[in-house]
PDB file of N, CA and C in Angstrom:
ATOM      1  N   MET A   1      74.181  88.425  95.662  1.00  0.00           N
ATOM      2  CA  MET A   1      74.632  88.813  96.976  1.00  0.00           C
ATOM      3  C   MET A   1      73.418  88.870  97.889  1.00  0.00           C
ATOM      4  N   ASN A   2      73.569  88.343  99.054  1.00  0.00           N
ATOM      5  CA  ASN A   2      72.438  88.317  99.977  1.00  0.00           C
ATOM      6  C   ASN A   2      72.322  89.638 100.748  1.00  0.00           C
ATOM      7  N   LYS A   3      71.289  89.739 101.565  1.00  0.00           N
ATOM      8  CA  LYS A   3      71.020  90.963 102.311  1.00  0.00           C
ATOM      9  C   LYS A   3      72.150  91.294 103.281  1.00  0.00           C
ATOM     10  N   TYR A   4      72.721  90.283 103.901  1.00  0.00           N
ATOM     11  CA  TYR A   4      73.796  90.489 104.866  1.00  0.00           C
ATOM     12  C   TYR A   4      75.046  91.064 104.194  1.00  0.00           C
ATOM     13  N   GLY A   5      75.381  90.560 103.040  1.00  0.00           N
ATOM     14  CA  GLY A   5      76.537  91.047 102.301  1.00  0.00           C
ATOM     15  C   GLY A   5      76.376  92.480 101.843  1.00  0.00           C
ATOM     16  N   LYS A   6      75.175  92.831 101.400  1.00  0.00           N
ATOM     17  CA  LYS A   6      74.920  94.209 100.987  1.00  0.00           C
ATOM     18  C   LYS A   6      75.027  95.174 102.153  1.00  0.00           C
ATOM     19  N   SER A   7      74.545  94.758 103.323  1.00  0.00           N
ATOM     20  CA  SER A   7      74.623  95.650 104.472  1.00  0.00           C
ATOM     21  C   SER A   7      76.069  95.834 104.924  1.00  0.00           C
ATOM     22  N   ILE A   8      76.888  94.804 104.829  1.00  0.00           N
ATOM     23  CA  ILE A   8      78.296  94.940 105.173  1.00  0.00           C
ATOM     24  C   ILE A   8      78.996  95.858 104.179  1.00  0.00           C
ATOM     25  N   LEU A   9      78.684  95.707 102.917  1.00  0.00           N
ATOM     26  CA  LEU A   9      79.286  96.560 101.896  1.00  0.00           C
ATOM     27  C   LEU A   9      78.896  98.020 102.089  1.00  0.00           C
ATOM     28  N   MET A  10      77.647  98.273 102.396  1.00  0.00           N
ATOM     29  CA  MET A  10      77.199  99.651 102.627  1.00  0.00           C
ATOM     30  C   MET A  10      77.844 100.229 103.883  1.00  0.00           C
ATOM     31  N   GLY A  11      77.967  99.419 104.919  1.00  0.00           N
ATOM     32  CA  GLY A  11      78.618  99.880 106.141  1.00  0.00           C
ATOM     33  C   GLY A  11      80.091 100.200 105.918  1.00  0.00           C
ATOM     34  N   ALA A  12      80.759  99.377 105.132  1.00  0.00           N
ATOM     35  CA  ALA A  12      82.167  99.626 104.836  1.00  0.00           C
ATOM     36  C   ALA A  12      82.342 100.911 104.041  1.00  0.00           C
ATOM     37  N   CYS A  13      81.463 101.165 103.103  1.00  0.00           N
ATOM     38  CA  CYS A  13      81.535 102.408 102.329  1.00  0.00           C
ATOM     39  C   CYS A  13      81.272 103.625 103.211  1.00  0.00           C
ATOM     40  N   ALA A  14      80.336 103.505 104.138  1.00  0.00           N
ATOM     41  CA  ALA A  14      80.055 104.620 105.044  1.00  0.00           C
ATOM     42  C   ALA A  14      81.249 104.892 105.953  1.00  0.00           C
ATOM     43  N   LEU A  15      81.866 103.849 106.476  1.00  0.00           N
ATOM     44  CA  LEU A  15      83.056 104.037 107.308  1.00  0.00           C
ATOM     45  C   LEU A  15      84.197 104.652 106.522  1.00  0.00           C
ATOM     46  N   LEU A  16      84.333 104.248 105.293  1.00  0.00           N
ATOM     47  CA  LEU A  16      85.392 104.783 104.459  1.00  0.00           C
ATOM     48  C   LEU A  16      85.197 106.275 104.233  1.00  0.00           C
ATOM     49  N   GLY A  17      83.982 106.672 103.942  1.00  0.00           N
ATOM     50  CA  GLY A  17      83.705 108.086 103.695  1.00  0.00           C
ATOM     51  C   GLY A  17      83.821 108.940 104.936  1.00  0.00           C
ATOM     52  N   LEU A  18      83.315 108.468 106.054  1.00  0.00           N
ATOM     53  CA  LEU A  18      83.326 109.259 107.279  1.00  0.00           C
ATOM     54  C   LEU A  18      84.668 109.224 107.992  1.00  0.00           C
ATOM     55  N   GLY A  19      85.345 108.113 107.912  1.00  0.00           N
ATOM     56  CA  GLY A  19      86.551 107.945 108.701  1.00  0.00           C
ATOM     57  C   GLY A  19      87.823 108.456 108.070  1.00  0.00           C
ATOM     58  N   ALA A  20      87.837 108.683 106.786  1.00  0.00           N
ATOM     59  CA  ALA A  20      89.080 109.047 106.103  1.00  0.00           C
ATOM     60  C   ALA A  20      89.368 110.539 106.149  1.00  0.00           C
ATOM     61  N   VAL A  21      88.617 111.293 106.903  1.00  0.00           N
ATOM     62  CA  VAL A  21      88.788 112.739 106.909  1.00  0.00           C
ATOM     63  C   VAL A  21      90.103 113.142 107.572  1.00  0.00           C
ATOM     64  N   SER A  22      90.337 112.710 108.776  1.00  0.00           N
ATOM     65  CA  SER A  22      91.557 113.135 109.485  1.00  0.00           C
ATOM     66  C   SER A  22      92.280 111.913 110.043  1.00  0.00           C
ATOM     67  N   CYS A  23      92.782 111.093 109.158  1.00  0.00           N
ATOM     68  CA  CYS A  23      93.457 109.860 109.562  1.00  0.00           C
ATOM     69  C   CYS A  23      94.931 109.929 109.214  1.00  0.00           C
ATOM     70  N   THR A  24      95.706 109.117 109.908  1.00  0.00           N
ATOM     71  CA  THR A  24      97.098 108.921 109.529  1.00  0.00           C
ATOM     72  C   THR A  24      97.130 108.025 108.295  1.00  0.00           C
ATOM     73  N   PRO A  25      98.245 107.964 107.604  1.00  0.00           N
ATOM     74  CA  PRO A  25      98.298 107.087 106.431  1.00  0.00           C
ATOM     75  C   PRO A  25      97.984 105.625 106.743  1.00  0.00           C
ATOM     76  N   GLY A  26      98.426 105.131 107.885  1.00  0.00           N
ATOM     77  CA  GLY A  26      98.140 103.744 108.250  1.00  0.00           C
ATOM     78  C   GLY A  26      96.669 103.507 108.495  1.00  0.00           C
ATOM     79  N   GLU A  27      96.007 104.454 109.151  1.00  0.00           N
ATOM     80  CA  GLU A  27      94.575 104.322 109.407  1.00  0.00           C
ATOM     81  C   GLU A  27      93.780 104.408 108.109  1.00  0.00           C
ATOM     82  N   ARG A  28      94.173 105.329 107.228  1.00  0.00           N
ATOM     83  CA  ARG A  28      93.477 105.475 105.954  1.00  0.00           C
ATOM     84  C   ARG A  28      93.642 104.209 105.115  1.00  0.00           C
ATOM     85  N   GLY A  29      94.841 103.634 105.122  1.00  0.00           N
ATOM     86  CA  GLY A  29      95.078 102.386 104.397  1.00  0.00           C
ATOM     87  C   GLY A  29      94.261 101.241 104.956  1.00  0.00           C
ATOM     88  N   ALA A  30      94.109 101.202 106.286  1.00  0.00           N
ATOM     89  CA  ALA A  30      93.293 100.159 106.903  1.00  0.00           C
ATOM     90  C   ALA A  30      91.830 100.308 106.516  1.00  0.00           C
ATOM     91  N   LEU A  31      91.337 101.543 106.453  1.00  0.00           N
ATOM     92  CA  LEU A  31      89.946 101.761 106.044  1.00  0.00           C
ATOM     93  C   LEU A  31      89.714 101.342 104.597  1.00  0.00           C
ATOM     94  N   VAL A  32      90.600 101.774 103.731  1.00  0.00           N
ATOM     95  CA  VAL A  32      90.438 101.442 102.307  1.00  0.00           C
ATOM     96  C   VAL A  32      90.598  99.938 102.092  1.00  0.00           C
ATOM     97  N   GLY A  33      91.613  99.346 102.692  1.00  0.00           N
ATOM     98  CA  GLY A  33      91.825  97.904 102.544  1.00  0.00           C
ATOM     99  C   GLY A  33      90.691  97.089 103.127  1.00  0.00           C
ATOM    100  N   GLY A  34      90.172  97.523 104.279  1.00  0.00           N
ATOM    101  CA  GLY A  34      89.040  96.823 104.881  1.00  0.00           C
ATOM    102  C   GLY A  34      87.792  96.897 104.022  1.00  0.00           C
ATOM    103  N   ALA A  35      87.551  98.068 103.436  1.00  0.00           N
ATOM    104  CA  ALA A  35      86.373  98.216 102.572  1.00  0.00           C
ATOM    105  C   ALA A  35      86.494  97.360 101.320  1.00  0.00           C
ATOM    106  N   ILE A  36      87.654  97.379 100.711  1.00  0.00           N
ATOM    107  CA  ILE A  36      87.854  96.565  99.507  1.00  0.00           C
ATOM    108  C   ILE A  36      87.775  95.077  99.849  1.00  0.00           C
ATOM    109  N   GLY A  37      88.389  94.687 100.957  1.00  0.00           N
ATOM    110  CA  GLY A  37      88.353  93.280 101.361  1.00  0.00           C
ATOM    111  C   GLY A  37      86.957  92.816 101.721  1.00  0.00           C
ATOM    112  N   ALA A  38      86.195  93.666 102.418  1.00  0.00           N
ATOM    113  CA  ALA A  38      84.821  93.296 102.771  1.00  0.00           C
ATOM    114  C   ALA A  38      83.943  93.192 101.535  1.00  0.00           C
ATOM    115  N   GLY A  39      84.127  94.110 100.608  1.00  0.00           N
ATOM    116  CA  GLY A  39      83.350  94.037  99.372  1.00  0.00           C
ATOM    117  C   GLY A  39      83.672  92.815  98.554  1.00  0.00           C
ATOM    118  N   THR A  40      84.939  92.508  98.443  1.00  0.00           N
ATOM    119  CA  THR A  40      85.346  91.319  97.699  1.00  0.00           C
ATOM    120  C   THR A  40      84.864  90.048  98.380  1.00  0.00           C
ATOM    121  N   GLY A  41      84.997  89.997  99.705  1.00  0.00           N
ATOM    122  CA  GLY A  41      84.533  88.822 100.442  1.00  0.00           C
ATOM    123  C   GLY A  41      83.034  88.636 100.345  1.00  0.00           C
ATOM    124  N   ALA A  42      82.282  89.742 100.328  1.00  0.00           N
ATOM    125  CA  ALA A  42      80.835  89.646 100.199  1.00  0.00           C
ATOM    126  C   ALA A  42      80.427  89.168  98.814  1.00  0.00           C
ATOM    127  N   LEU A  43      81.171  89.590  97.801  1.00  0.00           N
ATOM    128  CA  LEU A  43      80.853  89.145  96.439  1.00  0.00           C
ATOM    129  C   LEU A  43      81.210  87.681  96.225  1.00  0.00           C
ATOM    130  N   ILE A  44      82.310  87.261  96.782  1.00  0.00           N
ATOM    131  CA  ILE A  44      82.758  85.890  96.579  1.00  0.00           C
ATOM    132  C   ILE A  44      82.007  84.911  97.473  1.00  0.00           C
ATOM    133  N   GLY A  45      81.892  85.241  98.746  1.00  0.00           N
ATOM    134  CA  GLY A  45      81.298  84.306  99.693  1.00  0.00           C
ATOM    135  C   GLY A  45      80.049  84.862 100.338  1.00  0.00           C
ATOM    136  N   ASP A  46      79.883  84.529 101.589  1.00  0.00           N
ATOM    137  CA  ASP A  46      78.718  84.987 102.333  1.00  0.00           C
ATOM    138  C   ASP A  46      79.173  86.007 103.378  1.00  0.00           C
ATOM    139  N   GLY A  47      78.424  86.154 104.461  1.00  0.00           N
ATOM    140  CA  GLY A  47      78.761  87.111 105.501  1.00  0.00           C
ATOM    141  C   GLY A  47      80.099  86.833 106.150  1.00  0.00           C
ATOM    142  N   THR A  48      80.420  85.575 106.345  1.00  0.00           N
ATOM    143  CA  THR A  48      81.707  85.220 106.944  1.00  0.00           C
ATOM    144  C   THR A  48      82.855  85.597 106.022  1.00  0.00           C
ATOM    145  N   GLY A  49      82.675  85.412 104.729  1.00  0.00           N
ATOM    146  CA  GLY A  49      83.703  85.804 103.764  1.00  0.00           C
ATOM    147  C   GLY A  49      83.951  87.291 103.774  1.00  0.00           C
ATOM    148  N   ALA A  50      82.892  88.067 103.967  1.00  0.00           N
ATOM    149  CA  ALA A  50      83.049  89.517 104.028  1.00  0.00           C
ATOM    150  C   ALA A  50      83.822  89.933 105.276  1.00  0.00           C
ATOM    151  N   LEU A  51      83.551  89.283 106.394  1.00  0.00           N
ATOM    152  CA  LEU A  51      84.274  89.609 107.623  1.00  0.00           C
ATOM    153  C   LEU A  51      85.750  89.241 107.518  1.00  0.00           C
ATOM    154  N   ILE A  52      86.028  88.071 106.982  1.00  0.00           N
ATOM    155  CA  ILE A  52      87.417  87.638 106.831  1.00  0.00           C
ATOM    156  C   ILE A  52      88.136  88.529 105.818  1.00  0.00           C
ATOM    157  N   GLY A  53      87.491  88.821 104.708  1.00  0.00           N
ATOM    158  CA  GLY A  53      88.096  89.697 103.704  1.00  0.00           C
ATOM    159  C   GLY A  53      88.350  91.095 104.234  1.00  0.00           C
ATOM    160  N   GLY A  54      87.423  91.606 105.032  1.00  0.00           N
ATOM    161  CA  GLY A  54      87.618  92.924 105.623  1.00  0.00           C
ATOM    162  C   GLY A  54      88.785  92.961 106.586  1.00  0.00           C
ATOM    163  N   ALA A  55      88.928  91.916 107.382  1.00  0.00           N
ATOM    164  CA  ALA A  55      90.042  91.858 108.336  1.00  0.00           C
ATOM    165  C   ALA A  55      91.378  91.752 107.620  1.00  0.00           C
ATOM    166  N   ILE A  56      91.452  90.888 106.632  1.00  0.00           N
ATOM    167  CA  ILE A  56      92.704  90.728 105.882  1.00  0.00           C
ATOM    168  C   ILE A  56      93.024  92.003 105.114  1.00  0.00           C
ATOM    169  N   GLY A  57      92.013  92.607 104.511  1.00  0.00           N
ATOM    170  CA  GLY A  57      92.225  93.853 103.772  1.00  0.00           C
ATOM    171  C   GLY A  57      92.671  94.993 104.662  1.00  0.00           C
ATOM    172  N   ALA A  58      92.134  95.068 105.876  1.00  0.00           N
ATOM    173  CA  ALA A  58      92.535  96.133 106.800  1.00  0.00           C
ATOM    174  C   ALA A  58      93.997  95.986 107.197  1.00  0.00           C
ATOM    175  N   VAL A  59      94.421  94.783 107.496  1.00  0.00           N
ATOM    176  CA  VAL A  59      95.818  94.558 107.891  1.00  0.00           C
ATOM    177  C   VAL A  59      96.753  94.846 106.718  1.00  0.00           C
ATOM    178  N   ALA A  60      96.402  94.343 105.544  1.00  0.00           N
ATOM    179  CA  ALA A  60      97.257  94.558 104.375  1.00  0.00           C
ATOM    180  C   ALA A  60      97.288  96.033 103.978  1.00  0.00           C
ATOM    181  N   GLY A  61      96.148  96.682 103.985  1.00  0.00           N
ATOM    182  CA  GLY A  61      96.106  98.098 103.622  1.00  0.00           C
ATOM    183  C   GLY A  61      96.897  98.962 104.566  1.00  0.00           C
ATOM    184  N   SER A  62      96.825  98.673 105.842  1.00  0.00           N
ATOM    185  CA  SER A  62      97.589  99.432 106.823  1.00  0.00           C
ATOM    186  C   SER A  62      99.088  99.241 106.611  1.00  0.00           C
ATOM    187  N   SER A  63      99.511  98.030 106.402  1.00  0.00           N
ATOM    188  CA  SER A  63     100.938  97.746 106.199  1.00  0.00           C
ATOM    189  C   SER A  63     101.460  98.428 104.941  1.00  0.00           C
ATOM    190  N   ILE A  64     100.718  98.323 103.861  1.00  0.00           N
ATOM    191  CA  ILE A  64     101.144  98.930 102.599  1.00  0.00           C
ATOM    192  C   ILE A  64     101.220 100.445 102.735  1.00  0.00           C
ATOM    193  N   SER A  65     100.222 101.029 103.355  1.00  0.00           N
ATOM    194  CA  SER A  65     100.183 102.475 103.492  1.00  0.00           C
ATOM    195  C   SER A  65     101.285 102.998 104.402  1.00  0.00           C
ATOM    196  N   LYS A  66     101.567 102.290 105.500  1.00  0.00           N
ATOM    197  CA  LYS A  66     102.653 102.705 106.394  1.00  0.00           C
ATOM    198  C   LYS A  66     104.001 102.615 105.693  1.00  0.00           C
ATOM    199  N   ASN A  67     104.225 101.549 104.937  1.00  0.00           N
ATOM    200  CA  ASN A  67     105.488 101.412 104.215  1.00  0.00           C
ATOM    201  C   ASN A  67     105.647 102.494 103.162  1.00  0.00           C
ATOM    202  N   ARG A  68     104.568 102.835 102.471  1.00  0.00           N
ATOM    203  CA  ARG A  68     104.622 103.881 101.456  1.00  0.00           C
ATOM    204  C   ARG A  68     104.910 105.235 102.097  1.00  0.00           C
ATOM    205  N   ALA A  69     104.275 105.532 103.224  1.00  0.00           N
ATOM    206  CA  ALA A  69     104.507 106.802 103.907  1.00  0.00           C
ATOM    207  C   ALA A  69     105.942 106.884 104.420  1.00  0.00           C
ATOM    208  N   ARG A  70     106.450 105.790 104.956  1.00  0.00           N
ATOM    209  CA  ARG A  70     107.829 105.767 105.451  1.00  0.00           C
ATOM    210  C   ARG A  70     108.809 105.963 104.298  1.00  0.00           C
ATOM    211  N   ARG A  71     108.569 105.333 103.171  1.00  0.00           N
ATOM    212  CA  ARG A  71     109.443 105.468 102.012  1.00  0.00           C
ATOM    213  C   ARG A  71     109.435 106.903 101.500  1.00  0.00           C
ATOM    214  N   ASN A  72     108.261 107.506 101.401  1.00  0.00           N
ATOM    215  CA  ASN A  72     108.173 108.882 100.917  1.00  0.00           C
ATOM    216  C   ASN A  72     108.821 109.864 101.896  1.00  0.00           C
ATOM    217  N   TYR A  73     108.739 109.593 103.184  1.00  0.00           N
ATOM    218  CA  TYR A  73     109.316 110.487 104.177  1.00  0.00           C
ATOM    219  C   TYR A  73     110.843 110.476 104.095  1.00  0.00           C
ATOM    220  N   TYR A  74     111.426 109.302 103.954  1.00  0.00           N
ATOM    221  CA  TYR A  74     112.876 109.202 103.967  1.00  0.00           C
ATOM    222  C   TYR A  74     113.518 109.657 102.663  1.00  0.00           C
ATOM    223  N   TYR A  75     112.832 109.600 101.558  1.00  0.00           N
ATOM    224  CA  TYR A  75     113.433 109.930 100.276  1.00  0.00           C
ATOM    225  C   TYR A  75     113.160 111.357  99.835  1.00  0.00           C
ATOM    226  N   HIS A  76     112.398 112.132 100.590  1.00  0.00           N
ATOM    227  CA  HIS A  76     112.126 113.515 100.170  1.00  0.00           C
ATOM    228  C   HIS A  76     112.787 114.491 101.085  1.00  0.00           C
TER     229      HIS A  76
END
């Protein structure tokens, strides 16, 4: 992994730790999905892969988390 990929991975971890304190489920899912996607993209590709992976992970994580929260709200 190059220097750029490591810095993106460290930044994603810092955002995940600092930002997940008082978030809605959708925001928390976007943070977690973005961090996982950026890390995976950095490991697989270069800096561009990390950016694309982070964006896709944020959208997917937000959608999954919102659907899970909605399901839990209606069934309890």
